[in-house]
Protein backbone atom coordinates (compact mmCIF):
# COMPACT_ATOMS: atom_id res chain seq x y z
CA UNK A 1 0.00 0.00 0.00
CA UNK A 2 1.34 3.42 -0.91
CA UNK A 3 0.22 6.91 -0.13
CA UNK A 4 -0.57 9.56 -2.72
CA UNK A 5 -0.19 13.34 -2.53
CA UNK A 6 -0.18 14.80 0.98
CA UNK A 7 0.05 11.26 2.40
CA UNK A 8 -3.72 11.13 2.71
CA UNK A 9 -4.91 9.01 -0.20
CA UNK A 10 -4.09 5.34 0.07
CA UNK A 11 -3.37 3.59 -3.22
CA UNK A 12 -3.51 -0.19 -3.36
CA UNK A 13 -0.93 -1.96 -5.48
CA UNK A 14 -2.25 -3.61 -8.64
CA UNK A 15 -0.61 -6.91 -7.69
CA UNK A 16 -2.77 -7.05 -4.55
CA UNK A 17 -5.94 -6.31 -6.54
CA UNK A 18 -4.95 -9.08 -8.95
CA UNK A 19 -4.49 -11.44 -5.99
CA UNK A 20 -7.98 -10.57 -4.67
CA UNK A 21 -9.42 -11.43 -8.10
CA UNK A 22 -7.39 -14.64 -8.26
CA UNK A 23 -8.70 -15.74 -4.86
CA UNK A 24 -12.27 -14.87 -5.91
CA UNK A 25 -11.96 -17.03 -9.05
CA UNK A 26 -10.49 -19.85 -7.00
CA UNK A 27 -13.30 -19.62 -4.41
CA UNK A 28 -15.91 -19.89 -7.17
CA UNK A 29 -14.29 -23.08 -8.47
CA UNK A 30 -13.67 -24.77 -5.13
CA UNK A 31 -12.92 -24.26 -1.46
CA UNK A 32 -10.08 -22.06 -0.26
CA UNK A 33 -7.54 -23.14 2.33
CA UNK A 34 -7.54 -21.48 5.76
CA UNK A 35 -4.45 -19.47 4.77
CA UNK A 36 -6.14 -18.26 1.59
CA UNK A 37 -9.27 -17.27 3.50
CA UNK A 38 -7.15 -15.26 5.97
CA UNK A 39 -5.19 -13.65 3.11
CA UNK A 40 -8.43 -12.78 1.28
CA UNK A 41 -9.83 -11.16 4.42
CA UNK A 42 -6.73 -8.98 4.91
CA UNK A 43 -6.61 -8.00 1.24
CA UNK A 44 -10.30 -7.08 1.24
CA UNK A 45 -9.88 -4.92 4.35
CA UNK A 46 -6.94 -3.14 2.73
CA UNK A 47 -8.95 -2.65 -0.48
CA UNK A 48 -11.90 -1.14 1.40
CA UNK A 49 -9.56 1.22 3.28
CA UNK A 50 -7.96 2.34 0.01
CA UNK A 51 -11.38 2.77 -1.64
CA UNK A 52 -12.71 4.90 1.21
CA UNK A 53 -9.55 7.00 1.27
CA UNK A 54 -9.77 7.62 -2.48
CA UNK A 55 -13.47 8.49 -2.31
CA UNK A 56 -12.96 10.95 0.55
CA UNK A 57 -10.09 12.62 -1.33
CA UNK A 58 -12.33 13.07 -4.36
CA UNK A 59 -15.23 14.42 -2.31
CA UNK A 60 -12.94 16.88 -0.52
CA UNK A 61 -11.96 18.38 -3.87
CA UNK A 62 -15.53 19.01 -5.03
CA UNK A 63 -16.93 22.50 -4.67
CA UNK A 64 -20.51 23.61 -5.19
CA UNK A 65 -21.24 26.96 -6.86
CA UNK A 66 -24.68 28.42 -6.10
CA UNK A 67 -26.74 30.83 -8.25
CA UNK A 68 -24.96 33.84 -6.75
CA UNK A 69 -21.51 32.48 -7.59
CA UNK A 70 -20.63 31.52 -4.02
CA UNK A 71 -18.27 28.57 -3.80
CA UNK A 72 -18.65 26.09 -0.97
CA UNK A 73 -16.71 22.88 -0.36
CA UNK A 74 -18.84 19.75 -0.50
CA UNK A 75 -16.98 18.20 2.45
CA UNK A 76 -14.59 19.67 4.98
CA UNK A 77 -12.39 16.99 6.48
CA UNK A 78 -12.36 16.93 10.26
CA UNK A 79 -8.71 16.77 11.34
């Protein structure tokens, strides 16, 4: 897992996403071992964390402009 600009956005490595997909295909075709189930759980948790981080970063960069031209941030991150 790496961090993007400002160290706030978490970016998941493509190799880990590929491994999640590989485990999903394997689970559809037969049972996973206990180690694979544990690995899948950790990878999924990391993926969800990266997804949420990316979504929040996008939402923080959205501004709304009203009819009068006033600009307001959609979300202000609570630090």
